Amino acid sequence: MPGIKQEYGWDNSMGISLYDKIRRDMKSAMMNKDTDVRDTMRLIMGAFPSLTVPITLESGKKTTRVKKPEEITDDDLLNIIRKFVKSEKTMLEFKKKTSSDYLELLNSYLPKMASFEEIEKWISGNVDLSGFKSPMQAMGIVMKHFGKLADGNQVKDVLKNIGRS
């Protein structure tokens, strides 16, 4: 999988659900005999049964059932992919490596993370730091705005940097 082919990956602007894109990429990888991509798509699809919905049986007992394909949201799938990314990063740390083709492929399905500059620009335009004893106290506000699109450590670095200036 040297250098991910442009056809793989996903973002909101494509006008296709992440579920459909993963299935389409799986088919494409199989036709192109791209075994690494095929295996990664199988891994993601293999986690689909972990997506469940709580239900109550007629007896009143509470249980869960696996989500039907039409019930699976992009957020469900992004969370699955994030788990695989976290696991791969842990493995790479153990191997003393920084990246892998597998990690790059997984990342191509995640939304682009906010950059240091984007976070800094948003803070300067939207947060009055004079109301806080320390810039670090604004962490919650910033993370609430960016959500999963910002790495907490990076936000911390931006706030520390602002605190020094």
N, C-alpha and C. Protein backbone atom coordinates (compact mmCIF):
# COMPACT_ATOMS: atom_id res chain seq x y z
N MET A 1 0.84 -1.19 0.00
CA MET A 1 0.00 0.00 0.00
C MET A 1 0.88 1.25 0.00
N PRO A 2 2.01 1.24 -0.67
CA PRO A 2 2.86 2.42 -0.66
C PRO A 2 2.12 3.62 -1.22
N GLY A 3 1.96 4.64 -0.41
CA GLY A 3 1.23 5.84 -0.83
C GLY A 3 -0.22 5.49 -1.14
N ILE A 4 -1.11 5.93 -0.34
CA ILE A 4 -2.52 5.61 -0.51
C ILE A 4 -3.03 6.18 -1.81
N LYS A 5 -3.75 5.34 -2.55
CA LYS A 5 -4.33 5.81 -3.81
C LYS A 5 -5.41 6.84 -3.49
N GLN A 6 -5.55 7.81 -4.35
CA GLN A 6 -6.49 8.91 -4.14
C GLN A 6 -7.94 8.44 -4.02
N GLU A 7 -8.26 7.29 -4.67
CA GLU A 7 -9.64 6.82 -4.67
C GLU A 7 -10.14 6.41 -3.29
N TYR A 8 -9.22 6.10 -2.38
CA TYR A 8 -9.61 5.68 -1.05
C TYR A 8 -9.68 6.88 -0.11
N GLY A 9 -10.49 6.75 0.93
CA GLY A 9 -10.65 7.86 1.86
C GLY A 9 -12.04 8.45 1.75
N TRP A 10 -12.36 9.36 2.67
CA TRP A 10 -13.71 9.92 2.71
C TRP A 10 -13.71 11.28 3.38
N ASP A 11 -14.63 12.14 2.98
CA ASP A 11 -14.96 13.34 3.73
C ASP A 11 -16.39 13.75 3.42
N ASN A 12 -16.97 14.57 4.27
CA ASN A 12 -18.38 14.96 4.17
C ASN A 12 -18.78 15.50 2.81
N SER A 13 -17.87 16.18 2.15
CA SER A 13 -18.21 16.86 0.89
C SER A 13 -18.43 15.89 -0.27
N MET A 14 -18.17 14.61 -0.09
CA MET A 14 -18.31 13.64 -1.17
C MET A 14 -19.77 13.33 -1.51
N GLY A 15 -20.67 13.65 -0.61
CA GLY A 15 -22.08 13.38 -0.87
C GLY A 15 -22.43 11.89 -0.79
N ILE A 16 -21.65 11.13 -0.05
CA ILE A 16 -21.89 9.70 0.14
C ILE A 16 -21.65 9.40 1.61
N SER A 17 -22.44 8.48 2.16
CA SER A 17 -22.24 8.15 3.57
C SER A 17 -20.92 7.39 3.73
N LEU A 18 -20.35 7.47 4.90
CA LEU A 18 -19.10 6.75 5.17
C LEU A 18 -19.32 5.25 5.03
N TYR A 19 -20.48 4.77 5.45
CA TYR A 19 -20.82 3.35 5.33
C TYR A 19 -20.74 2.92 3.87
N ASP A 20 -21.39 3.68 2.99
CA ASP A 20 -21.39 3.34 1.56
C ASP A 20 -20.00 3.45 0.96
N LYS A 21 -19.22 4.44 1.40
CA LYS A 21 -17.87 4.63 0.86
C LYS A 21 -16.97 3.47 1.26
N ILE A 22 -17.08 3.01 2.49
CA ILE A 22 -16.28 1.87 2.95
C ILE A 22 -16.62 0.63 2.13
N ARG A 23 -17.91 0.40 1.90
CA ARG A 23 -18.34 -0.76 1.11
C ARG A 23 -17.84 -0.64 -0.34
N ARG A 24 -17.91 0.57 -0.89
CA ARG A 24 -17.44 0.80 -2.27
C ARG A 24 -15.92 0.60 -2.36
N ASP A 25 -15.20 1.11 -1.37
CA ASP A 25 -13.74 0.95 -1.37
C ASP A 25 -13.34 -0.51 -1.19
N MET A 26 -14.12 -1.25 -0.42
CA MET A 26 -13.86 -2.68 -0.24
C MET A 26 -13.98 -3.40 -1.58
N LYS A 27 -15.04 -3.09 -2.30
CA LYS A 27 -15.28 -3.71 -3.62
C LYS A 27 -14.15 -3.33 -4.59
N SER A 28 -13.79 -2.07 -4.59
CA SER A 28 -12.73 -1.57 -5.47
C SER A 28 -11.40 -2.24 -5.14
N ALA A 29 -11.09 -2.36 -3.85
CA ALA A 29 -9.83 -2.98 -3.41
C ALA A 29 -9.79 -4.45 -3.84
N MET A 30 -10.93 -5.12 -3.76
CA MET A 30 -10.98 -6.53 -4.17
C MET A 30 -10.75 -6.66 -5.68
N MET A 31 -11.37 -5.78 -6.45
CA MET A 31 -11.22 -5.82 -7.91
C MET A 31 -9.79 -5.47 -8.32
N ASN A 32 -9.15 -4.56 -7.59
CA ASN A 32 -7.78 -4.15 -7.92
C ASN A 32 -6.72 -5.02 -7.24
N LYS A 33 -7.20 -6.05 -6.53
CA LYS A 33 -6.29 -6.95 -5.79
C LYS A 33 -5.38 -6.17 -4.83
N ASP A 34 -5.96 -5.14 -4.21
CA ASP A 34 -5.24 -4.30 -3.25
C ASP A 34 -5.50 -4.89 -1.86
N THR A 35 -4.72 -5.91 -1.50
CA THR A 35 -5.00 -6.70 -0.30
C THR A 35 -4.94 -5.90 1.00
N ASP A 36 -4.02 -4.94 1.11
CA ASP A 36 -3.92 -4.16 2.35
C ASP A 36 -5.18 -3.34 2.59
N VAL A 37 -5.67 -2.69 1.55
CA VAL A 37 -6.89 -1.88 1.69
C VAL A 37 -8.08 -2.82 1.96
N ARG A 38 -8.14 -3.92 1.22
CA ARG A 38 -9.24 -4.88 1.41
C ARG A 38 -9.28 -5.36 2.86
N ASP A 39 -8.12 -5.72 3.39
CA ASP A 39 -8.07 -6.22 4.77
C ASP A 39 -8.46 -5.15 5.79
N THR A 40 -8.07 -3.90 5.52
CA THR A 40 -8.43 -2.81 6.42
C THR A 40 -9.94 -2.57 6.39
N MET A 41 -10.55 -2.61 5.19
CA MET A 41 -12.00 -2.43 5.08
C MET A 41 -12.72 -3.58 5.79
N ARG A 42 -12.18 -4.78 5.65
CA ARG A 42 -12.79 -5.94 6.34
C ARG A 42 -12.72 -5.77 7.86
N LEU A 43 -11.61 -5.23 8.32
CA LEU A 43 -11.44 -4.99 9.76
C LEU A 43 -12.51 -4.00 10.25
N ILE A 44 -12.69 -2.92 9.51
CA ILE A 44 -13.70 -1.91 9.90
C ILE A 44 -15.10 -2.53 9.85
N MET A 45 -15.39 -3.23 8.76
CA MET A 45 -16.72 -3.84 8.61
C MET A 45 -16.95 -4.94 9.66
N GLY A 46 -15.88 -5.57 10.08
CA GLY A 46 -15.98 -6.61 11.11
C GLY A 46 -16.39 -6.04 12.46
N ALA A 47 -16.21 -4.74 12.63
CA ALA A 47 -16.59 -4.09 13.90
C ALA A 47 -18.04 -3.62 13.88
N PHE A 48 -18.73 -3.73 12.75
CA PHE A 48 -20.12 -3.29 12.66
C PHE A 48 -21.02 -3.95 13.71
N PRO A 49 -20.86 -5.25 14.00
CA PRO A 49 -21.73 -5.86 15.02
C PRO A 49 -21.58 -5.25 16.42
N SER A 50 -20.52 -4.50 16.64
CA SER A 50 -20.37 -3.85 17.95
C SER A 50 -21.28 -2.63 18.07
N LEU A 51 -21.86 -2.20 16.96
CA LEU A 51 -22.78 -1.06 16.96
C LEU A 51 -24.18 -1.58 17.29
N THR A 52 -24.66 -1.21 18.47
CA THR A 52 -25.94 -1.74 18.92
C THR A 52 -26.91 -0.63 19.32
N VAL A 53 -28.18 -1.03 19.42
CA VAL A 53 -29.24 -0.13 19.86
C VAL A 53 -29.92 -0.78 21.07
N PRO A 54 -30.17 -0.02 22.15
CA PRO A 54 -30.86 -0.61 23.29
C PRO A 54 -32.34 -0.88 22.95
N ILE A 55 -32.85 -2.02 23.39
CA ILE A 55 -34.27 -2.33 23.18
C ILE A 55 -34.82 -2.95 24.46
N THR A 56 -36.15 -2.93 24.58
CA THR A 56 -36.81 -3.57 25.71
C THR A 56 -37.69 -4.68 25.15
N LEU A 57 -37.50 -5.88 25.66
CA LEU A 57 -38.29 -7.03 25.20
C LEU A 57 -39.69 -6.96 25.80
N GLU A 58 -40.60 -7.77 25.25
CA GLU A 58 -41.98 -7.79 25.76
C GLU A 58 -42.02 -8.12 27.25
N SER A 59 -41.07 -8.93 27.70
CA SER A 59 -41.02 -9.32 29.12
C SER A 59 -40.56 -8.16 30.01
N GLY A 60 -40.11 -7.06 29.38
CA GLY A 60 -39.63 -5.92 30.15
C GLY A 60 -38.12 -5.92 30.32
N LYS A 61 -37.49 -7.01 29.91
CA LYS A 61 -36.03 -7.12 30.02
C LYS A 61 -35.37 -6.19 29.01
N LYS A 62 -34.32 -5.49 29.47
CA LYS A 62 -33.59 -4.59 28.58
C LYS A 62 -32.41 -5.33 27.98
N THR A 63 -32.22 -5.12 26.68
CA THR A 63 -31.12 -5.76 25.96
C THR A 63 -30.71 -4.86 24.80
N THR A 64 -29.92 -5.38 23.90
CA THR A 64 -29.52 -4.59 22.73
C THR A 64 -29.64 -5.46 21.48
N ARG A 65 -29.68 -4.80 20.33
CA ARG A 65 -29.63 -5.51 19.06
C ARG A 65 -28.64 -4.77 18.16
N VAL A 66 -28.09 -5.49 17.22
CA VAL A 66 -27.13 -4.91 16.28
C VAL A 66 -27.87 -3.91 15.38
N LYS A 67 -27.24 -2.78 15.11
CA LYS A 67 -27.84 -1.78 14.23
C LYS A 67 -27.96 -2.31 12.81
N LYS A 68 -29.07 -1.97 12.15
CA LYS A 68 -29.24 -2.31 10.74
C LYS A 68 -28.37 -1.34 9.93
N PRO A 69 -27.95 -1.73 8.72
CA PRO A 69 -27.09 -0.85 7.92
C PRO A 69 -27.60 0.59 7.79
N GLU A 70 -28.91 0.76 7.64
CA GLU A 70 -29.46 2.11 7.48
C GLU A 70 -29.43 2.91 8.79
N GLU A 71 -29.21 2.24 9.92
CA GLU A 71 -29.14 2.93 11.21
C GLU A 71 -27.72 3.35 11.58
N ILE A 72 -26.74 2.81 10.87
CA ILE A 72 -25.34 3.12 11.18
C ILE A 72 -25.02 4.53 10.70
N THR A 73 -24.55 5.37 11.61
CA THR A 73 -24.24 6.76 11.26
C THR A 73 -22.76 6.92 10.95
N ASP A 74 -22.44 8.04 10.32
CA ASP A 74 -21.03 8.35 10.05
C ASP A 74 -20.26 8.43 11.36
N ASP A 75 -20.87 9.02 12.40
CA ASP A 75 -20.20 9.14 13.70
C ASP A 75 -19.88 7.77 14.29
N ASP A 76 -20.80 6.80 14.13
CA ASP A 76 -20.54 5.44 14.61
C ASP A 76 -19.26 4.91 13.97
N LEU A 77 -19.17 5.07 12.66
CA LEU A 77 -18.03 4.54 11.92
C LEU A 77 -16.75 5.32 12.22
N LEU A 78 -16.87 6.63 12.38
CA LEU A 78 -15.68 7.43 12.73
C LEU A 78 -15.12 6.99 14.08
N ASN A 79 -16.02 6.65 15.02
CA ASN A 79 -15.56 6.18 16.33
C ASN A 79 -14.83 4.84 16.21
N ILE A 80 -15.32 3.95 15.36
CA ILE A 80 -14.64 2.67 15.12
C ILE A 80 -13.25 2.93 14.54
N ILE A 81 -13.18 3.79 13.54
CA ILE A 81 -11.90 4.08 12.89
C ILE A 81 -10.94 4.73 13.89
N ARG A 82 -11.45 5.64 14.73
CA ARG A 82 -10.59 6.28 15.74
C ARG A 82 -10.00 5.26 16.71
N LYS A 83 -10.78 4.22 17.06
CA LYS A 83 -10.27 3.17 17.94
C LYS A 83 -9.11 2.45 17.27
N PHE A 84 -9.26 2.14 15.97
CA PHE A 84 -8.18 1.46 15.25
C PHE A 84 -6.95 2.36 15.14
N VAL A 85 -7.18 3.67 14.93
CA VAL A 85 -6.06 4.63 14.84
C VAL A 85 -5.31 4.66 16.17
N LYS A 86 -6.06 4.74 17.26
CA LYS A 86 -5.44 4.79 18.59
C LYS A 86 -4.62 3.53 18.84
N SER A 87 -5.17 2.38 18.48
CA SER A 87 -4.48 1.11 18.65
C SER A 87 -3.20 1.07 17.81
N GLU A 88 -3.29 1.52 16.57
CA GLU A 88 -2.12 1.51 15.67
C GLU A 88 -1.04 2.46 16.19
N LYS A 89 -1.45 3.63 16.70
CA LYS A 89 -0.47 4.58 17.24
C LYS A 89 0.26 3.97 18.43
N THR A 90 -0.47 3.23 19.25
CA THR A 90 0.15 2.55 20.40
C THR A 90 1.17 1.53 19.92
N MET A 91 0.80 0.76 18.89
CA MET A 91 1.72 -0.24 18.34
C MET A 91 2.95 0.43 17.74
N LEU A 92 2.75 1.52 17.02
CA LEU A 92 3.88 2.22 16.40
C LEU A 92 4.82 2.78 17.45
N GLU A 93 4.24 3.31 18.54
CA GLU A 93 5.06 3.82 19.65
C GLU A 93 5.94 2.70 20.20
N PHE A 94 5.34 1.54 20.35
CA PHE A 94 6.05 0.37 20.86
C PHE A 94 7.19 -0.02 19.92
N LYS A 95 6.94 0.10 18.61
CA LYS A 95 7.96 -0.24 17.60
C LYS A 95 8.91 0.92 17.33
N LYS A 96 8.68 2.04 18.01
CA LYS A 96 9.47 3.27 17.82
C LYS A 96 9.41 3.78 16.38
N LYS A 97 8.20 3.74 15.82
CA LYS A 97 7.95 4.28 14.48
C LYS A 97 6.91 5.39 14.62
N THR A 98 6.82 6.25 13.60
CA THR A 98 5.87 7.35 13.69
C THR A 98 4.63 7.15 12.82
N SER A 99 4.74 6.37 11.74
CA SER A 99 3.58 6.20 10.87
C SER A 99 3.66 4.86 10.15
N SER A 100 2.55 4.49 9.54
CA SER A 100 2.48 3.27 8.74
C SER A 100 1.46 3.50 7.64
N ASP A 101 1.52 2.68 6.59
CA ASP A 101 0.54 2.79 5.51
C ASP A 101 -0.88 2.54 6.05
N TYR A 102 -0.98 1.60 6.98
CA TYR A 102 -2.27 1.28 7.60
C TYR A 102 -2.84 2.50 8.32
N LEU A 103 -2.00 3.19 9.09
CA LEU A 103 -2.42 4.39 9.82
C LEU A 103 -2.85 5.48 8.84
N GLU A 104 -2.08 5.67 7.78
CA GLU A 104 -2.42 6.69 6.78
C GLU A 104 -3.75 6.38 6.11
N LEU A 105 -3.99 5.10 5.82
CA LEU A 105 -5.27 4.71 5.21
C LEU A 105 -6.42 5.01 6.16
N LEU A 106 -6.29 4.61 7.42
CA LEU A 106 -7.34 4.88 8.40
C LEU A 106 -7.59 6.39 8.52
N ASN A 107 -6.52 7.17 8.59
CA ASN A 107 -6.65 8.63 8.71
C ASN A 107 -7.34 9.25 7.52
N SER A 108 -7.24 8.61 6.34
CA SER A 108 -7.87 9.18 5.14
C SER A 108 -9.40 9.12 5.23
N TYR A 109 -9.93 8.37 6.19
CA TYR A 109 -11.38 8.30 6.38
C TYR A 109 -11.86 9.21 7.50
N LEU A 110 -10.92 9.81 8.23
CA LEU A 110 -11.29 10.71 9.33
C LEU A 110 -11.31 12.16 8.86
N PRO A 111 -12.14 13.00 9.47
CA PRO A 111 -12.14 14.42 9.11
C PRO A 111 -10.77 15.03 9.41
N LYS A 112 -10.40 16.04 8.64
CA LYS A 112 -9.11 16.72 8.83
C LYS A 112 -9.10 17.40 10.19
N MET A 113 -8.04 17.18 10.93
CA MET A 113 -7.91 17.77 12.25
C MET A 113 -7.55 19.26 12.13
N ALA A 114 -7.98 20.03 13.11
CA ALA A 114 -7.66 21.47 13.12
C ALA A 114 -6.16 21.65 13.33
N SER A 115 -5.59 22.59 12.61
CA SER A 115 -4.15 22.86 12.74
C SER A 115 -3.89 23.79 13.93
N PHE A 116 -2.62 23.87 14.32
CA PHE A 116 -2.19 24.75 15.41
C PHE A 116 -2.67 26.18 15.13
N GLU A 117 -2.46 26.62 13.87
CA GLU A 117 -2.83 27.99 13.47
C GLU A 117 -4.34 28.21 13.52
N GLU A 118 -5.12 27.21 13.08
CA GLU A 118 -6.58 27.34 13.10
C GLU A 118 -7.10 27.46 14.54
N ILE A 119 -6.52 26.66 15.42
CA ILE A 119 -6.93 26.71 16.83
C ILE A 119 -6.57 28.06 17.43
N GLU A 120 -5.35 28.51 17.16
CA GLU A 120 -4.87 29.79 17.67
C GLU A 120 -5.75 30.94 17.17
N LYS A 121 -6.09 30.90 15.88
CA LYS A 121 -6.92 31.96 15.27
C LYS A 121 -8.31 31.97 15.90
N TRP A 122 -8.91 30.79 16.11
CA TRP A 122 -10.24 30.72 16.70
C TRP A 122 -10.23 31.27 18.12
N ILE A 123 -9.21 30.90 18.90
CA ILE A 123 -9.11 31.37 20.28
C ILE A 123 -9.01 32.89 20.31
N SER A 124 -8.12 33.46 19.47
CA SER A 124 -7.93 34.92 19.50
C SER A 124 -9.19 35.66 19.05
N GLY A 125 -10.00 35.04 18.20
CA GLY A 125 -11.21 35.70 17.72
C GLY A 125 -12.45 35.46 18.56
N ASN A 126 -12.44 34.43 19.41
CA ASN A 126 -13.66 34.04 20.11
C ASN A 126 -13.57 33.91 21.62
N VAL A 127 -12.36 33.92 22.18
CA VAL A 127 -12.22 33.70 23.62
C VAL A 127 -11.50 34.90 24.25
N ASP A 128 -12.15 35.49 25.27
CA ASP A 128 -11.52 36.59 26.00
C ASP A 128 -10.73 35.98 27.15
N LEU A 129 -9.43 35.84 26.94
CA LEU A 129 -8.58 35.18 27.94
C LEU A 129 -8.37 36.04 29.19
N SER A 130 -8.71 37.34 29.12
CA SER A 130 -8.51 38.20 30.29
C SER A 130 -9.45 37.81 31.43
N GLY A 131 -10.50 37.06 31.13
CA GLY A 131 -11.45 36.62 32.15
C GLY A 131 -10.98 35.39 32.92
N PHE A 132 -9.83 34.85 32.54
CA PHE A 132 -9.31 33.65 33.20
C PHE A 132 -8.02 33.97 33.94
N LYS A 133 -7.78 33.26 35.04
CA LYS A 133 -6.52 33.44 35.78
C LYS A 133 -5.35 32.95 34.93
N SER A 134 -5.60 31.89 34.16
CA SER A 134 -4.56 31.34 33.29
C SER A 134 -5.22 30.93 31.97
N PRO A 135 -4.51 31.06 30.84
CA PRO A 135 -5.10 30.66 29.55
C PRO A 135 -5.56 29.20 29.54
N MET A 136 -4.92 28.35 30.34
CA MET A 136 -5.27 26.93 30.37
C MET A 136 -6.72 26.70 30.81
N GLN A 137 -7.30 27.67 31.53
CA GLN A 137 -8.68 27.52 31.98
C GLN A 137 -9.68 27.61 30.82
N ALA A 138 -9.21 28.05 29.66
CA ALA A 138 -10.09 28.14 28.49
C ALA A 138 -10.14 26.82 27.72
N MET A 139 -9.42 25.84 28.19
CA MET A 139 -9.33 24.54 27.50
C MET A 139 -10.71 23.95 27.19
N GLY A 140 -11.60 23.96 28.18
CA GLY A 140 -12.94 23.39 28.00
C GLY A 140 -13.71 24.06 26.89
N ILE A 141 -13.65 25.39 26.84
CA ILE A 141 -14.37 26.16 25.81
C ILE A 141 -13.84 25.79 24.42
N VAL A 142 -12.53 25.73 24.29
CA VAL A 142 -11.91 25.43 23.00
C VAL A 142 -12.25 24.01 22.56
N MET A 143 -12.14 23.06 23.48
CA MET A 143 -12.42 21.66 23.13
C MET A 143 -13.90 21.47 22.79
N LYS A 144 -14.77 22.22 23.47
CA LYS A 144 -16.20 22.12 23.17
C LYS A 144 -16.47 22.59 21.75
N HIS A 145 -15.78 23.65 21.32
CA HIS A 145 -15.96 24.17 19.97
C HIS A 145 -15.44 23.19 18.92
N PHE A 146 -14.22 22.70 19.09
CA PHE A 146 -13.59 21.85 18.07
C PHE A 146 -14.01 20.38 18.18
N GLY A 147 -14.40 19.94 19.37
CA GLY A 147 -14.79 18.55 19.55
C GLY A 147 -13.67 17.60 19.15
N LYS A 148 -14.02 16.59 18.35
CA LYS A 148 -13.05 15.57 17.96
C LYS A 148 -12.14 16.03 16.82
N LEU A 149 -12.32 17.28 16.38
CA LEU A 149 -11.48 17.79 15.30
C LEU A 149 -10.20 18.44 15.81
N ALA A 150 -10.01 18.44 17.12
CA ALA A 150 -8.78 19.01 17.69
C ALA A 150 -8.21 18.03 18.70
N ASP A 151 -6.90 17.91 18.68
CA ASP A 151 -6.21 17.06 19.63
C ASP A 151 -6.02 17.87 20.91
N GLY A 152 -6.41 17.29 22.04
CA GLY A 152 -6.32 17.98 23.33
C GLY A 152 -4.91 18.47 23.64
N ASN A 153 -3.91 17.65 23.30
CA ASN A 153 -2.52 18.06 23.57
C ASN A 153 -2.14 19.27 22.73
N GLN A 154 -2.64 19.32 21.50
CA GLN A 154 -2.32 20.45 20.64
C GLN A 154 -3.00 21.73 21.17
N VAL A 155 -4.24 21.61 21.62
CA VAL A 155 -4.94 22.77 22.20
C VAL A 155 -4.17 23.27 23.42
N LYS A 156 -3.69 22.33 24.24
CA LYS A 156 -2.92 22.69 25.43
C LYS A 156 -1.65 23.47 25.02
N ASP A 157 -0.98 22.99 23.97
CA ASP A 157 0.23 23.67 23.49
C ASP A 157 -0.09 25.09 23.00
N VAL A 158 -1.20 25.24 22.29
CA VAL A 158 -1.61 26.56 21.80
C VAL A 158 -1.86 27.49 22.98
N LEU A 159 -2.59 27.02 23.98
CA LEU A 159 -2.90 27.84 25.15
C LEU A 159 -1.63 28.20 25.94
N LYS A 160 -0.70 27.25 26.05
CA LYS A 160 0.56 27.54 26.73
C LYS A 160 1.33 28.61 25.97
N ASN A 161 1.31 28.49 24.64
CA ASN A 161 2.01 29.44 23.78
C ASN A 161 1.41 30.84 23.94
N ILE A 162 0.09 30.93 23.99
CA ILE A 162 -0.59 32.21 24.19
C ILE A 162 -0.25 32.77 25.56
N GLY A 163 -0.17 31.90 26.56
CA GLY A 163 0.16 32.30 27.92
C GLY A 163 1.53 32.93 28.04
N ARG A 164 2.46 32.52 27.18
CA ARG A 164 3.82 33.04 27.21
C ARG A 164 3.93 34.41 26.54
N SER A 165 3.01 34.67 25.60
CA SER A 165 3.14 35.93 24.84
C SER A 165 2.51 37.11 25.52
